[in-house]
Amino acid sequence: MPGPIQGALNAFIMFAYPLLRSLCGKNSPLVTIWAILAEEWSARKRFPTFTKIVYVKLSKLPDGFKASPLIGETESITILTKAHGYIIVPEETTNIKIGQIVEVNLLPGFSYVSDQFID
């Protein structure tokens, strides 16, 4: 696994988690929601051709959800503690425009109560 915490979690999400779910016979899909991207997101210049994971903080809208990208260094655990979910961005995508509808994979351990997400 990579050394930086986000890199290690990204590798787990992309490789280990699907393998473990399959070995346990859990073939049901992950819990996902659709949300509107609140801010434009661009891939770092260093990694334009990798599958990317963008961690997001969710907030409720009257008719759905808004996903705000959490940006920072891969060594920062703070981004992970603020995230409600993540977006898997394909290799060929280097930019997601504000207002675009995205599929957010929810991180386990979060609940939605009274118009806000709680840990």
Foldseek 3Di string as FASTA:
>chain_A
DDDAPQVVVVCCVVPVVVVVCVVVVNPDDFDKFKAFEAAKAFADPVQLQAWDKWFWAWFDDPVGIYTYTDDDDSNDCVSVVRGQFIFTHHRNDGIDHGGDITMTGGDPDWDDDDRHIDD
